[in-house]
Amino acid sequence: MSLSAVLLAVGPSPSPSPSGTPTAPAVPSLEDAQESATNAASWVQQNWSTWLAIGLRVLLILVIAAVLRVAVRRAITKLIDRMNRTVQSVDGTSLGGLLVNVERRRQRSQAIGSVLRSVASFLILGTAALMVLGTFEINLAPLLASAGVAGVAIGFGARNLVTDFLSGVFMILEDQYGVGDTIDAGVASGEVIEVGLRVTKLRGDSGEIWYVRNGEVKRIGNLSQGWATAGVDVTVRADEDLDKVKRTLNEVAERMSKEEPWNELLWGPIEVLGLDSVLLDSMVVRVSAKTMPGKSLTVERELRWRIKRAFDAADIPIVGGPPAPVQDAELADPTAAVAPPSVYANSASPQAEAASPIVQPRPAPK
């Protein structure tokens, strides 16, 4: 006996009672189940090719994005490593007048590589995400408009952060300064101990550490690039023999230029520039030299030491310096010893009466 005959023998399904009492649900027939299965199979058969195409397209986009991202990141890493090897192959310790060291190259390369890799990953993954959404036929116009508005709001609210980040990127790319450089950033000065995309850490002369935001730096004076100038002013008497002074200075300069380690610190000959100024009782002779960056003070101290010893040996006195303090108050102020008559007019002391041009008569005894 078939299932339909059994259902007909049982009779129609009971209808709900007027009192609202729930009744047993109607049992679907086999024909209804077969029809539903047929419709589902037909719908799947009609759309499976579209689903497969969409899935393959999404998979292809993700695979291409992943492979491209890995390839670009590796290319950037190899480029940075090649730049480091090129710098290391340069003879000496300077590159275009710029002192380089291992830590400086490492931090600069790490920062540049991090920025380039982050930008490449953002562009590749962002483009892949938009292509995946487009594959599902999602309207991207509202999404892009919302993202644009959100980006403007975030950029306006975090404009200082964006300014610091962009300034840090350009400072690193342009190599304005690096680890080990001594710079004057306006708001602070000292030796650079770390260069970041947002802040730069400086160590001051007293050992303090300054955290300078890159966006606040309006000017940078790098004292470790190029070369420095060591200048010494020698003050002698106005009647001193200039030929003797110049000859002595030239001997000091020639001897110092040949000795170590000063021959490495000096990037040029020590020159006697001549008279810098002439006064009634003295004259100033200027001595100058180009030195390695950051070594000008060291060279100046040694040069002053040698000049003083050479002048003492040549019996050439060095004059100048601050004037001696005046011990006698009357000599310091000649008018202090003479007071106006009104000061001593009513004085009762004998010294005041003697110094005063107006002498009061004594009263007669009673």
Protein backbone atom coordinates (compact mmCIF):
# COMPACT_ATOMS: atom_id res chain seq x y z
CA MET A 1 0.00 0.00 0.00
CA SER A 2 1.32 3.38 -0.92
CA LEU A 3 1.79 6.34 1.42
CA SER A 4 -0.93 8.30 -0.38
CA ALA A 5 -3.49 5.50 0.21
CA VAL A 6 -2.58 5.48 3.86
CA LEU A 7 -3.10 9.21 4.06
CA LEU A 8 -6.50 8.93 2.29
CA ALA A 9 -7.55 6.13 4.66
CA VAL A 10 -6.71 8.22 7.63
CA GLY A 11 -8.72 11.10 6.27
CA PRO A 12 -8.19 14.82 6.07
CA SER A 13 -6.22 16.58 8.72
CA PRO A 14 -8.34 17.97 11.55
CA SER A 15 -9.09 21.68 11.42
CA PRO A 16 -8.46 23.97 14.39
CA SER A 17 -11.19 23.87 16.98
CA PRO A 18 -13.25 26.99 17.60
CA SER A 19 -11.89 27.17 21.15
CA GLY A 20 -8.39 27.79 19.80
CA THR A 21 -6.93 24.54 20.96
CA PRO A 22 -3.81 23.76 18.88
CA THR A 23 -4.11 20.80 16.59
CA ALA A 24 -1.49 18.59 14.99
CA PRO A 25 0.27 20.17 11.96
CA ALA A 26 -0.48 18.92 8.53
CA VAL A 27 1.97 16.34 7.22
CA PRO A 28 3.37 17.35 3.77
CA SER A 29 2.81 14.92 1.05
CA LEU A 30 5.54 13.09 -0.78
CA GLU A 31 4.76 14.96 -3.95
CA ASP A 32 5.34 18.29 -2.16
CA ALA A 33 8.70 17.11 -0.84
CA GLN A 34 9.72 15.90 -4.24
CA GLU A 35 8.69 19.18 -5.84
CA SER A 36 10.66 21.21 -3.27
CA ALA A 37 13.75 19.09 -3.77
CA THR A 38 13.41 19.42 -7.51
CA ASN A 39 13.11 23.21 -7.29
CA ALA A 40 16.17 23.45 -5.00
CA ALA A 41 18.22 21.24 -7.25
CA SER A 42 17.16 23.26 -10.26
CA TRP A 43 18.08 26.55 -8.52
CA VAL A 44 21.47 25.17 -7.49
CA GLN A 45 22.05 23.87 -10.99
CA GLN A 46 21.25 27.25 -12.46
CA ASN A 47 23.50 29.24 -10.11
CA TRP A 48 26.39 26.93 -9.30
CA SER A 49 28.39 28.17 -12.25
CA THR A 50 28.01 31.79 -11.03
CA TRP A 51 29.07 30.83 -7.52
CA LEU A 52 32.02 28.90 -8.80
CA ALA A 53 33.09 31.82 -10.96
CA ILE A 54 32.82 34.24 -8.04
CA GLY A 55 34.72 31.92 -5.72
CA LEU A 56 37.48 31.37 -8.24
CA ARG A 57 37.73 35.09 -8.88
CA VAL A 58 37.96 35.91 -5.17
CA LEU A 59 40.54 33.17 -4.67
CA LEU A 60 42.56 34.42 -7.62
CA ILE A 61 42.48 38.00 -6.29
CA LEU A 62 43.62 36.92 -2.82
CA VAL A 63 46.40 34.71 -4.19
CA ILE A 64 47.68 37.43 -6.51
CA ALA A 65 47.56 40.02 -3.70
CA ALA A 66 49.44 37.74 -1.30
CA VAL A 67 52.11 36.85 -3.87
CA LEU A 68 52.51 40.50 -4.94
CA ARG A 69 52.78 41.66 -1.34
CA VAL A 70 55.49 39.11 -0.53
CA ALA A 71 57.39 39.96 -3.72
CA VAL A 72 57.26 43.71 -3.11
CA ARG A 73 58.34 43.38 0.52
CA ARG A 74 61.27 41.18 -0.47
CA ALA A 75 62.27 43.61 -3.20
CA ILE A 76 62.22 46.49 -0.72
CA THR A 77 64.29 44.50 1.78
CA LYS A 78 66.88 43.62 -0.88
CA LEU A 79 67.01 47.25 -2.00
CA ILE A 80 67.69 48.45 1.55
CA ASP A 81 70.36 45.78 2.05
CA ARG A 82 72.02 46.78 -1.21
CA MET A 83 72.06 50.41 -0.12
CA ASN A 84 73.74 49.41 3.15
CA ARG A 85 76.38 47.35 1.32
CA THR A 86 77.04 50.27 -1.02
CA VAL A 87 77.62 52.60 1.90
CA GLN A 88 79.87 50.08 3.66
CA SER A 89 82.01 49.70 0.54
CA VAL A 90 82.91 53.41 0.53
CA ASP A 91 86.45 54.00 1.76
CA GLY A 92 86.90 56.08 4.87
CA THR A 93 84.40 57.21 7.43
CA SER A 94 82.70 59.95 5.45
CA LEU A 95 80.22 59.90 2.61
CA GLY A 96 79.88 63.25 0.87
CA GLY A 97 81.03 65.04 4.02
CA LEU A 98 78.51 63.14 6.16
CA LEU A 99 79.70 60.95 8.96
CA VAL A 100 78.17 57.50 8.86
CA ASN A 101 78.19 54.69 11.37
CA VAL A 102 76.59 51.29 11.78
CA GLU A 103 73.82 52.40 14.12
CA ARG A 104 72.92 55.37 11.94
CA ARG A 105 72.66 53.22 8.80
CA ARG A 106 70.72 50.53 10.63
CA GLN A 107 68.09 52.86 12.05
CA ARG A 108 67.70 54.83 8.85
CA SER A 109 67.40 51.69 6.74
CA GLN A 110 64.97 50.15 9.21
CA ALA A 111 62.78 53.25 9.18
CA ILE A 112 62.80 53.61 5.40
CA GLY A 113 62.11 49.90 4.89
CA SER A 114 59.28 49.94 7.42
CA VAL A 115 57.62 52.91 5.76
CA LEU A 116 57.92 51.47 2.25
CA ARG A 117 56.68 48.04 3.30
CA SER A 118 53.72 49.49 5.16
CA VAL A 119 52.73 51.68 2.21
CA ALA A 120 53.06 48.78 -0.23
CA SER A 121 51.00 46.45 1.98
CA PHE A 122 48.29 49.06 2.45
CA LEU A 123 47.98 49.73 -1.27
CA ILE A 124 47.99 46.05 -2.31
CA LEU A 125 45.61 44.79 0.38
CA GLY A 126 43.30 47.78 0.02
CA THR A 127 43.04 47.30 -3.73
CA ALA A 128 42.40 43.57 -3.27
CA ALA A 129 39.62 44.24 -0.75
CA LEU A 130 37.89 46.65 -3.12
CA MET A 131 38.15 44.12 -5.97
CA VAL A 132 36.62 41.38 -3.79
CA LEU A 133 33.70 43.61 -2.84
CA GLY A 134 33.22 44.48 -6.48
CA THR A 135 33.14 40.79 -7.36
CA PHE A 136 30.13 40.32 -5.07
CA GLU A 137 28.45 43.22 -6.92
CA ILE A 138 28.41 45.42 -3.85
CA ASN A 139 27.95 49.12 -4.56
CA LEU A 140 31.22 50.73 -3.52
CA ALA A 141 30.15 54.36 -3.93
CA PRO A 142 28.51 54.71 -0.46
CA LEU A 143 31.38 52.80 1.12
CA LEU A 144 34.03 55.00 -0.48
CA ALA A 145 32.07 58.14 0.40
CA SER A 146 31.80 57.03 4.05
CA ALA A 147 35.48 56.14 4.15
CA GLY A 148 36.34 59.54 2.66
CA VAL A 149 34.30 61.39 5.27
CA ALA A 150 35.79 59.27 8.06
CA GLY A 151 39.29 59.87 6.71
CA VAL A 152 38.75 63.63 6.64
CA ALA A 153 37.39 63.61 10.21
CA ILE A 154 40.25 61.47 11.49
CA GLY A 155 42.81 63.56 9.62
CA PHE A 156 41.37 66.78 11.04
CA GLY A 157 41.27 65.41 14.57
CA ALA A 158 44.76 63.89 14.40
CA ARG A 159 46.38 66.53 12.22
CA ASN A 160 49.30 66.93 14.63
CA LEU A 161 49.98 63.21 14.48
CA VAL A 162 49.79 63.23 10.70
CA THR A 163 52.11 66.24 10.56
CA ASP A 164 54.64 64.53 12.83
CA PHE A 165 54.51 61.34 10.79
CA LEU A 166 54.96 63.06 7.42
CA SER A 167 57.75 65.27 8.75
CA GLY A 168 59.52 62.21 10.14
CA VAL A 169 59.21 60.39 6.81
CA PHE A 170 60.77 63.29 4.88
CA MET A 171 63.51 63.79 7.49
CA ILE A 172 64.50 60.15 7.18
CA LEU A 173 64.24 59.99 3.39
CA GLU A 174 66.25 63.20 2.97
CA ASP A 175 68.76 62.09 5.62
CA GLN A 176 68.67 65.44 7.38
CA TYR A 177 70.23 63.89 10.48
CA GLY A 178 70.91 60.49 11.96
CA VAL A 179 72.02 58.67 15.08
CA GLY A 180 75.25 60.16 16.41
CA ASP A 181 74.76 63.61 14.86
CA THR A 182 74.79 66.74 17.00
CA ILE A 183 71.94 68.98 15.92
CA ASP A 184 70.20 72.19 16.91
CA ALA A 185 66.47 71.67 16.37
CA GLY A 186 65.41 75.06 17.71
CA VAL A 187 63.29 73.71 20.56
CA ALA A 188 66.20 71.55 21.81
CA SER A 189 69.76 70.67 20.91
CA GLY A 190 72.03 67.73 21.57
CA GLU A 191 73.19 64.39 20.18
CA VAL A 192 70.67 62.27 18.28
CA ILE A 193 70.21 58.89 19.97
CA GLU A 194 67.09 57.70 18.14
CA VAL A 195 65.19 58.77 15.04
CA GLY A 196 61.52 57.81 14.83
CA LEU A 197 58.65 58.58 12.51
CA ARG A 198 56.90 60.67 15.17
CA VAL A 199 59.55 61.85 17.64
CA THR A 200 63.32 62.29 17.74
CA LYS A 201 65.29 61.63 20.93
CA LEU A 202 68.18 63.97 21.76
CA ARG A 203 70.69 63.81 24.60
CA GLY A 204 71.59 67.25 25.90
CA ASP A 205 74.94 68.51 27.15
CA SER A 206 73.99 67.73 30.76
CA GLY A 207 72.81 64.21 29.97
CA GLU A 208 69.10 64.99 29.78
CA ILE A 209 66.99 63.36 27.06
CA TRP A 210 64.74 65.53 24.89
CA TYR A 211 61.76 64.11 23.01
CA VAL A 212 61.17 66.41 20.07
CA ARG A 213 58.10 65.98 17.88
CA ASN A 214 59.09 65.99 14.23
CA GLY A 215 56.24 68.32 13.31
CA GLU A 216 57.53 71.01 15.69
CA VAL A 217 60.96 71.21 14.07
CA LYS A 218 61.00 74.26 11.79
CA ARG A 219 64.75 74.37 11.23
CA ILE A 220 67.62 71.98 11.83
CA GLY A 221 71.25 72.87 12.27
CA ASN A 222 73.36 69.74 11.84
CA LEU A 223 76.75 70.22 13.45
CA SER A 224 78.00 66.81 12.29
CA GLN A 225 77.69 67.26 8.53
CA GLY A 226 80.26 68.78 6.22
CA TRP A 227 83.10 70.32 8.23
CA ALA A 228 83.57 72.57 11.23
CA THR A 229 85.73 75.66 11.70
CA ALA A 230 88.19 76.11 14.55
CA GLY A 231 89.04 79.76 15.12
CA VAL A 232 91.48 81.24 17.64
CA ASP A 233 92.02 84.97 18.25
CA VAL A 234 95.49 85.90 19.56
CA THR A 235 95.78 89.33 21.15
CA VAL A 236 99.25 90.91 21.30
CA ARG A 237 100.59 94.38 21.98
CA ALA A 238 100.20 97.04 19.33
CA ASP A 239 103.96 97.56 19.08
CA GLU A 240 104.73 93.85 18.62
CA ASP A 241 106.65 92.69 15.56
CA LEU A 242 104.02 91.25 13.19
CA ASP A 243 106.54 89.26 11.20
CA LYS A 244 107.75 87.54 14.34
CA VAL A 245 104.17 86.83 15.44
CA LYS A 246 103.24 85.39 12.06
CA ARG A 247 106.39 83.29 11.88
CA THR A 248 105.73 81.81 15.31
CA LEU A 249 102.10 81.02 14.45
CA ASN A 250 103.12 79.35 11.19
CA GLU A 251 105.60 77.15 13.04
CA VAL A 252 102.89 76.09 15.50
CA ALA A 253 100.44 75.37 12.68
CA GLU A 254 102.95 73.34 10.66
CA ARG A 255 104.05 71.28 13.64
CA MET A 256 100.49 70.56 14.78
CA SER A 257 99.36 69.56 11.28
CA LYS A 258 102.00 66.80 11.13
CA GLU A 259 101.39 65.24 14.54
CA GLU A 260 98.83 62.58 15.40
CA PRO A 261 95.93 62.58 16.06
CA TRP A 262 95.58 66.19 14.95
CA ASN A 263 96.45 65.41 11.34
CA GLU A 264 93.32 63.25 11.17
CA LEU A 265 91.07 65.80 12.84
CA LEU A 266 92.27 68.62 10.59
CA TRP A 267 90.61 68.65 7.16
CA GLY A 268 92.72 71.51 5.92
CA PRO A 269 95.85 73.49 6.79
CA ILE A 270 95.90 75.83 9.75
CA GLU A 271 95.92 79.32 8.27
CA VAL A 272 97.01 82.62 9.79
CA LEU A 273 94.34 84.92 8.35
CA GLY A 274 96.00 88.13 9.52
CA LEU A 275 94.91 91.06 11.64
CA ASP A 276 91.32 90.86 12.73
CA SER A 277 91.29 94.19 14.58
CA VAL A 278 93.76 96.90 15.66
CA LEU A 279 93.28 98.97 18.82
CA LEU A 280 95.36 101.68 20.51
CA ASP A 281 97.20 99.28 22.80
CA SER A 282 96.61 95.86 21.21
CA MET A 283 95.89 93.99 17.99
CA VAL A 284 94.15 90.69 17.30
CA VAL A 285 95.54 88.03 14.93
CA ARG A 286 93.08 85.46 13.61
CA VAL A 287 94.03 81.78 13.18
CA SER A 288 91.56 79.36 11.55
CA ALA A 289 91.35 75.75 10.32
CA LYS A 290 88.79 73.31 8.92
CA THR A 291 88.24 70.32 11.17
CA MET A 292 86.23 67.15 11.34
CA PRO A 293 82.60 67.81 12.36
CA GLY A 294 82.21 68.09 16.11
CA LYS A 295 85.97 68.42 16.76
CA SER A 296 86.38 72.19 16.46
CA LEU A 297 86.45 72.82 20.23
CA THR A 298 89.07 70.12 20.74
CA VAL A 299 91.29 71.60 18.05
CA GLU A 300 90.83 75.13 19.42
CA ARG A 301 91.91 74.10 22.92
CA GLU A 302 95.04 72.35 21.65
CA LEU A 303 95.84 75.26 19.35
CA ARG A 304 95.58 77.79 22.20
CA TRP A 305 97.83 75.60 24.35
CA ARG A 306 100.51 75.37 21.66
CA ILE A 307 100.33 79.08 20.79
CA LYS A 308 100.76 80.09 24.44
CA ARG A 309 103.82 77.87 24.87
CA ALA A 310 105.34 79.06 21.59
CA PHE A 311 104.78 82.73 22.46
CA ASP A 312 106.35 82.23 25.88
CA ALA A 313 109.39 80.66 24.24
CA ALA A 314 109.59 83.50 21.69
CA ASP A 315 109.13 86.17 24.40
CA ILE A 316 105.88 87.45 22.85
CA PRO A 317 103.44 88.50 25.59
CA ILE A 318 99.77 87.85 25.10
CA VAL A 319 97.57 90.67 26.30
CA GLY A 320 93.86 91.11 26.66
CA GLY A 321 91.22 89.73 28.96
CA PRO A 322 88.76 91.41 31.28
CA PRO A 323 89.90 94.57 33.09
CA ALA A 324 91.08 94.24 36.65
CA PRO A 325 88.56 95.26 39.32
CA VAL A 326 89.07 98.67 40.91
CA GLN A 327 89.82 98.41 44.63
CA ASP A 328 89.61 102.08 45.67
CA ALA A 329 86.06 103.41 45.60
CA GLU A 330 87.31 106.98 45.18
CA LEU A 331 89.28 106.00 42.09
CA ALA A 332 86.30 104.16 40.71
CA ASP A 333 84.10 107.22 41.14
CA PRO A 334 86.09 110.49 41.41
CA THR A 335 82.99 112.46 42.25
CA ALA A 336 82.29 110.34 45.35
CA ALA A 337 84.95 112.23 47.40
CA VAL A 338 83.29 115.57 46.76
CA ALA A 339 79.78 116.02 48.06
CA PRO A 340 77.46 118.95 47.61
CA PRO A 341 77.48 121.55 50.40
CA SER A 342 73.93 120.72 51.42
CA VAL A 343 75.01 117.25 52.60
CA TYR A 344 77.27 118.59 55.31
CA ALA A 345 75.45 121.80 56.14
CA ASN A 346 73.78 120.44 59.26
CA SER A 347 76.42 117.87 60.23
CA ALA A 348 77.76 117.89 63.77
CA SER A 349 80.96 115.89 63.21
CA PRO A 350 84.32 117.68 62.93
CA GLN A 351 85.09 115.93 59.62
CA ALA A 352 81.83 117.16 58.21
CA GLU A 353 82.49 120.69 59.47
CA ALA A 354 85.93 120.68 57.92
CA ALA A 355 84.69 119.37 54.60
CA SER A 356 81.65 121.60 54.49
CA PRO A 357 82.07 125.05 52.93
CA ILE A 358 79.35 126.33 55.22
CA VAL A 359 80.30 126.43 58.90
CA GLN A 360 77.55 127.12 61.41
CA PRO A 361 78.52 129.40 64.40
CA ARG A 362 78.54 127.83 67.86
CA PRO A 363 75.90 129.09 70.26
CA ALA A 364 77.11 131.42 73.05
CA PRO A 365 77.20 129.87 76.55
CA LYS A 366 74.53 130.97 78.92
